[in-house]
Amino acid sequence: MKRCTVLKSFAAILTAVFTTAAQANTTVVLALADNYAPLMTPDGGIAGDILDEVNMRLGDEFEIEIQSVPWSRAVTLVESGRAHGLVGTYYRPNIRPWIDPYSRPLLQDAVSIFCRTGIADPTWSYPRDYAGLTFGFLVGSYAAGDEFHAMRDAGEISVDDSTTITANLLKLKAGRIDCFVEGRLPIQVELAQIGGTDAIEMVGDVKVEDFYVGFLDDWAQGADAASFIAAFDETIEQMQADGTIDLIIENGLE
């Protein structure tokens, strides 16, 4: 089976960029976070497995290469034009205007709020009733939502930034922050790894977000890019219809 190439070193990333420049009509570089298990991992995770299957079904006309890096770097790679698409982005046209279009959604990601045990009430309205608390924040993520960021800017919510989900959860466990909002599955995976979860509880789900590949607008204007995006979306639709994506998700959660 043809598989996507996961590029893990800076040198490999540069090599992929120059290769892409030479073969722009066939090679599409997608940046994927390496710290959002089980959906995205250094080896690809569930999203990587979905892209592997897409890559195989596309045949020889297109080749997908994956750059697996921390989320904030993945965002930078696409914004700077060193990758063509951002895997796992939510629909955020106001925050990332350089992404257009978005692919057909690969899957859905439940966003949940986790807090120190006993500090929050499940009946509270998010985020208004959480005013005065300190939240952990994953740099580069906008899962917390526009109203949360408005409250942050107004000083109604305090925020402590970290670059990984694990770092935020360790702060939560240690009582350095009060709550953390991010994708439920990645938080649950990391909680199982760090242990001592009696100090942390899931207060509830905030929303469900679609999980897209967002393509760089300048690149997406080209004819080859348009052909790839159309073929990509058609393949994702086929994989949803025939149950392949459901099976990949099921296997990725085992």
Protein backbone atom coordinates (compact mmCIF):
# COMPACT_ATOMS: atom_id res chain seq x y z
CA MET A 1 0.00 0.00 0.00
CA LYS A 2 1.29 3.44 -0.85
CA ARG A 3 1.66 5.41 2.37
CA CYS A 4 2.14 9.09 3.11
CA THR A 5 5.68 10.05 4.02
CA VAL A 6 5.89 11.48 7.56
CA LEU A 7 8.71 14.03 7.67
CA LYS A 8 10.10 14.51 11.15
CA SER A 9 13.30 16.55 10.87
CA PHE A 10 13.83 20.12 9.75
CA ALA A 11 16.19 18.88 7.04
CA ALA A 12 13.53 16.52 5.77
CA ILE A 13 11.02 19.36 5.75
CA LEU A 14 13.31 21.50 3.62
CA THR A 15 13.89 18.58 1.27
CA ALA A 16 10.13 18.14 0.90
CA VAL A 17 9.69 21.82 0.13
CA PHE A 18 12.24 21.75 -2.69
CA THR A 19 10.82 18.47 -3.99
CA THR A 20 7.37 20.03 -4.00
CA ALA A 21 8.62 23.02 -5.93
CA ALA A 22 10.03 20.72 -8.57
CA GLN A 23 6.91 18.55 -8.74
CA ALA A 24 4.15 21.02 -7.88
CA ASN A 25 1.69 19.28 -10.17
CA THR A 26 1.86 15.97 -8.26
CA THR A 27 3.15 16.45 -4.72
CA VAL A 28 1.00 18.06 -2.00
CA VAL A 29 2.57 18.73 1.40
CA LEU A 30 0.21 18.69 4.37
CA ALA A 31 1.25 19.82 7.87
CA LEU A 32 -0.10 17.71 10.72
CA ALA A 33 0.28 18.16 14.49
CA ASP A 34 2.38 15.54 16.27
CA ASN A 35 0.88 16.21 19.72
CA TYR A 36 -2.87 15.64 19.39
CA ALA A 37 -3.23 11.88 19.98
CA PRO A 38 -5.09 9.83 18.93
CA LEU A 39 -6.24 12.09 16.08
CA MET A 40 -2.76 13.35 15.13
CA THR A 41 0.57 11.88 16.30
CA PRO A 42 4.23 11.76 15.18
CA ASP A 43 3.31 8.75 13.03
CA GLY A 44 0.12 10.34 11.74
CA GLY A 45 -2.58 9.00 14.08
CA ILE A 46 -6.17 8.63 12.93
CA ALA A 47 -5.89 11.61 10.57
CA GLY A 48 -2.68 10.18 9.12
CA ASP A 49 -4.36 6.83 8.50
CA ILE A 50 -7.21 8.58 6.70
CA LEU A 51 -4.69 10.44 4.54
CA ASP A 52 -2.82 7.19 3.82
CA GLU A 53 -6.01 5.73 2.40
CA VAL A 54 -6.72 8.88 0.40
CA ASN A 55 -3.18 8.75 -0.94
CA MET A 56 -3.61 5.16 -2.09
CA ARG A 57 -6.96 5.84 -3.76
CA LEU A 58 -5.69 8.90 -5.61
CA GLY A 59 -3.27 6.74 -7.58
CA ASP A 60 -0.20 8.15 -9.31
CA GLU A 61 -1.57 11.54 -10.32
CA PHE A 62 -1.02 13.04 -6.86
CA GLU A 63 1.27 12.24 -3.96
CA ILE A 64 0.55 13.40 -0.41
CA GLU A 65 3.47 14.06 1.92
CA ILE A 66 2.91 14.75 5.61
CA GLN A 67 5.03 16.98 7.79
CA SER A 68 4.39 15.88 11.38
CA VAL A 69 5.40 18.73 13.71
CA PRO A 70 4.04 20.57 16.78
CA TRP A 71 0.74 22.32 16.07
CA SER A 72 2.06 25.88 16.22
CA ARG A 73 4.80 24.98 13.72
CA ALA A 74 2.27 23.25 11.45
CA VAL A 75 0.26 26.48 11.34
CA THR A 76 3.40 28.48 10.54
CA LEU A 77 4.49 26.10 7.79
CA VAL A 78 1.21 26.55 5.94
CA GLU A 79 0.90 30.30 6.54
CA SER A 80 4.46 30.83 5.24
CA GLY A 81 3.85 28.70 2.14
CA ARG A 82 6.18 25.86 3.15
CA ALA A 83 3.24 23.44 3.20
CA HIS A 84 0.05 23.43 1.16
CA GLY A 85 -2.53 22.40 3.75
CA LEU A 86 -3.15 22.33 7.51
CA VAL A 87 -4.58 19.03 8.78
CA GLY A 88 -7.01 19.18 11.68
CA THR A 89 -7.99 22.84 11.51
CA TYR A 90 -11.46 23.90 12.56
CA TYR A 91 -13.38 26.37 10.40
CA ARG A 92 -11.79 29.69 11.41
CA PRO A 93 -11.90 32.09 8.40
CA ASN A 94 -11.56 35.21 10.56
CA ILE A 95 -8.54 33.91 12.46
CA ARG A 96 -6.76 32.27 9.53
CA PRO A 97 -7.85 34.24 6.44
CA TRP A 98 -5.00 32.67 4.46
CA ILE A 99 -6.83 29.33 4.53
CA ASP A 100 -9.32 28.95 1.68
CA PRO A 101 -10.82 26.54 0.79
CA TYR A 102 -11.46 23.95 3.46
CA SER A 103 -11.72 20.29 2.53
CA ARG A 104 -14.67 18.08 3.15
CA PRO A 105 -14.51 17.30 6.92
CA LEU A 106 -12.44 14.23 7.75
CA LEU A 107 -14.26 13.62 11.05
CA GLN A 108 -15.76 15.46 14.01
CA ASP A 109 -13.96 16.51 17.17
CA ALA A 110 -15.87 17.02 20.44
CA VAL A 111 -14.50 19.98 22.40
CA SER A 112 -14.86 19.60 26.18
CA ILE A 113 -14.05 21.50 29.34
CA PHE A 114 -11.95 19.82 32.04
CA CYS A 115 -11.47 21.46 35.45
CA ARG A 116 -9.98 20.83 38.85
CA THR A 117 -12.41 18.56 40.67
CA GLY A 118 -15.16 20.52 42.40
CA ILE A 119 -14.28 23.97 41.08
CA ALA A 120 -16.96 24.16 38.38
CA ASP A 121 -20.61 23.17 38.09
CA PRO A 122 -21.92 21.21 35.07
CA THR A 123 -24.93 23.57 34.98
CA TRP A 124 -22.71 26.59 34.31
CA SER A 125 -22.96 28.35 30.97
CA TYR A 126 -19.63 28.31 29.12
CA PRO A 127 -17.68 30.53 29.12
CA ARG A 128 -19.61 33.31 30.87
CA ASP A 129 -20.00 31.52 34.21
CA TYR A 130 -16.27 30.73 34.29
CA ALA A 131 -15.29 34.39 34.71
CA GLY A 132 -12.53 34.85 37.25
CA LEU A 133 -10.95 31.43 36.70
CA THR A 134 -7.55 30.68 35.16
CA PHE A 135 -7.53 28.55 32.03
CA GLY A 136 -4.76 26.58 30.43
CA PHE A 137 -4.39 27.36 26.75
CA LEU A 138 -2.82 25.41 23.90
CA VAL A 139 -0.79 27.89 21.85
CA GLY A 140 -2.17 28.18 18.33
CA SER A 141 -5.50 26.54 19.17
CA TYR A 142 -8.86 28.28 18.94
CA ALA A 143 -10.96 25.43 20.30
CA ALA A 144 -12.06 27.58 23.25
CA GLY A 145 -14.16 29.78 20.96
CA ASP A 146 -14.64 33.45 20.14
CA GLU A 147 -16.49 34.40 23.34
CA PHE A 148 -13.71 32.86 25.43
CA HIS A 149 -11.10 34.94 23.59
CA ALA A 150 -13.21 38.08 24.00
CA MET A 151 -13.33 37.45 27.76
CA ARG A 152 -9.59 36.80 27.75
CA ASP A 153 -8.95 40.11 25.98
CA ALA A 154 -11.23 41.90 28.46
CA GLY A 155 -9.37 40.40 31.43
CA GLU A 156 -12.42 38.47 32.62
CA ILE A 157 -10.59 35.14 32.26
CA SER A 158 -6.92 34.57 33.02
CA VAL A 159 -4.94 32.37 30.64
CA ASP A 160 -1.71 30.42 31.12
CA ASP A 161 -0.22 29.38 27.76
CA SER A 162 1.48 26.04 27.06
CA THR A 163 2.57 24.34 23.86
CA THR A 164 1.18 20.85 24.61
CA ILE A 165 -1.96 19.28 26.02
CA THR A 166 0.19 17.36 28.51
CA ALA A 167 1.70 20.55 29.93
CA ASN A 168 -1.77 22.03 30.42
CA LEU A 169 -3.04 18.92 32.17
CA LEU A 170 -0.01 18.75 34.47
CA LYS A 171 -0.70 22.36 35.47
CA LEU A 172 -4.34 21.43 36.04
CA LYS A 173 -3.37 18.42 38.14
CA ALA A 174 -0.98 20.57 40.20
CA GLY A 175 -3.64 23.25 40.79
CA ARG A 176 -1.77 25.93 38.84
CA ILE A 177 -4.77 26.47 36.55
CA ASP A 178 -8.49 25.90 37.06
CA CYS A 179 -9.76 24.61 33.71
CA PHE A 180 -8.71 23.61 30.21
CA VAL A 181 -10.78 23.46 27.00
CA GLU A 182 -9.69 21.34 24.05
CA GLY A 183 -10.67 18.23 22.06
CA ARG A 184 -12.08 15.59 24.39
CA LEU A 185 -10.29 12.55 22.93
CA PRO A 186 -6.78 14.03 23.06
CA ILE A 187 -7.34 15.17 26.66
CA GLN A 188 -8.60 11.73 27.69
CA VAL A 189 -5.61 10.05 26.05
CA GLU A 190 -3.15 12.33 27.84
CA LEU A 191 -4.98 11.97 31.17
CA ALA A 192 -4.59 8.21 30.95
CA GLN A 193 -0.85 8.73 30.44
CA ILE A 194 -0.20 11.12 33.34
CA GLY A 195 -2.40 9.33 35.89
CA GLY A 196 -3.75 10.84 39.11
CA THR A 197 -6.92 11.91 37.38
CA ASP A 198 -9.01 12.16 40.57
CA ALA A 199 -7.89 15.78 40.69
CA ILE A 200 -9.40 16.49 37.26
CA GLU A 201 -12.96 16.06 36.02
CA MET A 202 -14.71 16.61 32.73
CA VAL A 203 -17.38 19.23 33.35
CA GLY A 204 -19.07 18.82 29.98
CA ASP A 205 -18.93 19.20 26.22
CA VAL A 206 -18.71 22.71 24.81
CA LYS A 207 -19.39 21.95 21.14
CA VAL A 208 -18.57 19.63 18.26
CA GLU A 209 -16.20 20.89 15.58
CA ASP A 210 -15.58 19.61 12.06
CA PHE A 211 -11.99 18.52 11.47
CA TYR A 212 -10.76 19.82 8.10
CA VAL A 213 -7.72 20.08 5.92
CA GLY A 214 -7.40 23.80 5.27
CA PHE A 215 -5.54 24.73 2.07
CA LEU A 216 -3.31 27.77 1.59
CA ASP A 217 -5.29 30.28 -0.47
CA ASP A 218 -2.43 31.38 -2.76
CA TRP A 219 -1.59 27.79 -3.67
CA ALA A 220 -5.22 26.72 -4.03
CA GLN A 221 -5.79 29.13 -6.92
CA GLY A 222 -3.69 27.02 -9.32
CA ALA A 223 -5.20 24.48 -11.72
CA ASP A 224 -3.23 21.56 -10.28
CA ALA A 225 -4.28 22.53 -6.78
CA ALA A 226 -7.94 22.77 -7.79
CA SER A 227 -7.74 19.31 -9.37
CA PHE A 228 -6.17 17.86 -6.24
CA ILE A 229 -8.70 19.45 -3.87
CA ALA A 230 -11.62 18.20 -5.96
CA ALA A 231 -10.15 14.68 -6.06
CA PHE A 232 -9.37 14.83 -2.33
CA ASP A 233 -12.93 15.83 -1.42
CA GLU A 234 -14.42 13.19 -3.70
CA THR A 235 -12.23 10.52 -2.11
CA ILE A 236 -13.15 11.58 1.44
CA GLU A 237 -16.83 11.45 0.45
CA GLN A 238 -16.38 7.92 -0.92
CA MET A 239 -14.57 6.82 2.25
CA GLN A 240 -17.36 8.19 4.41
CA ALA A 241 -20.00 6.47 2.30
CA ASP A 242 -18.31 3.06 2.27
CA GLY A 243 -17.52 3.08 6.02
CA THR A 244 -13.74 3.29 5.65
CA ILE A 245 -13.37 6.39 7.82
CA ASP A 246 -15.55 4.92 10.56
CA LEU A 247 -13.36 1.79 10.54
CA ILE A 248 -10.15 3.85 10.70
CA ILE A 249 -11.50 5.79 13.68
CA GLU A 250 -12.60 2.60 15.41
CA ASN A 251 -9.18 1.00 14.90
CA GLY A 252 -7.40 4.17 16.02
CA LEU A 253 -9.26 4.18 19.33
CA GLU A 254 -8.40 0.60 20.24
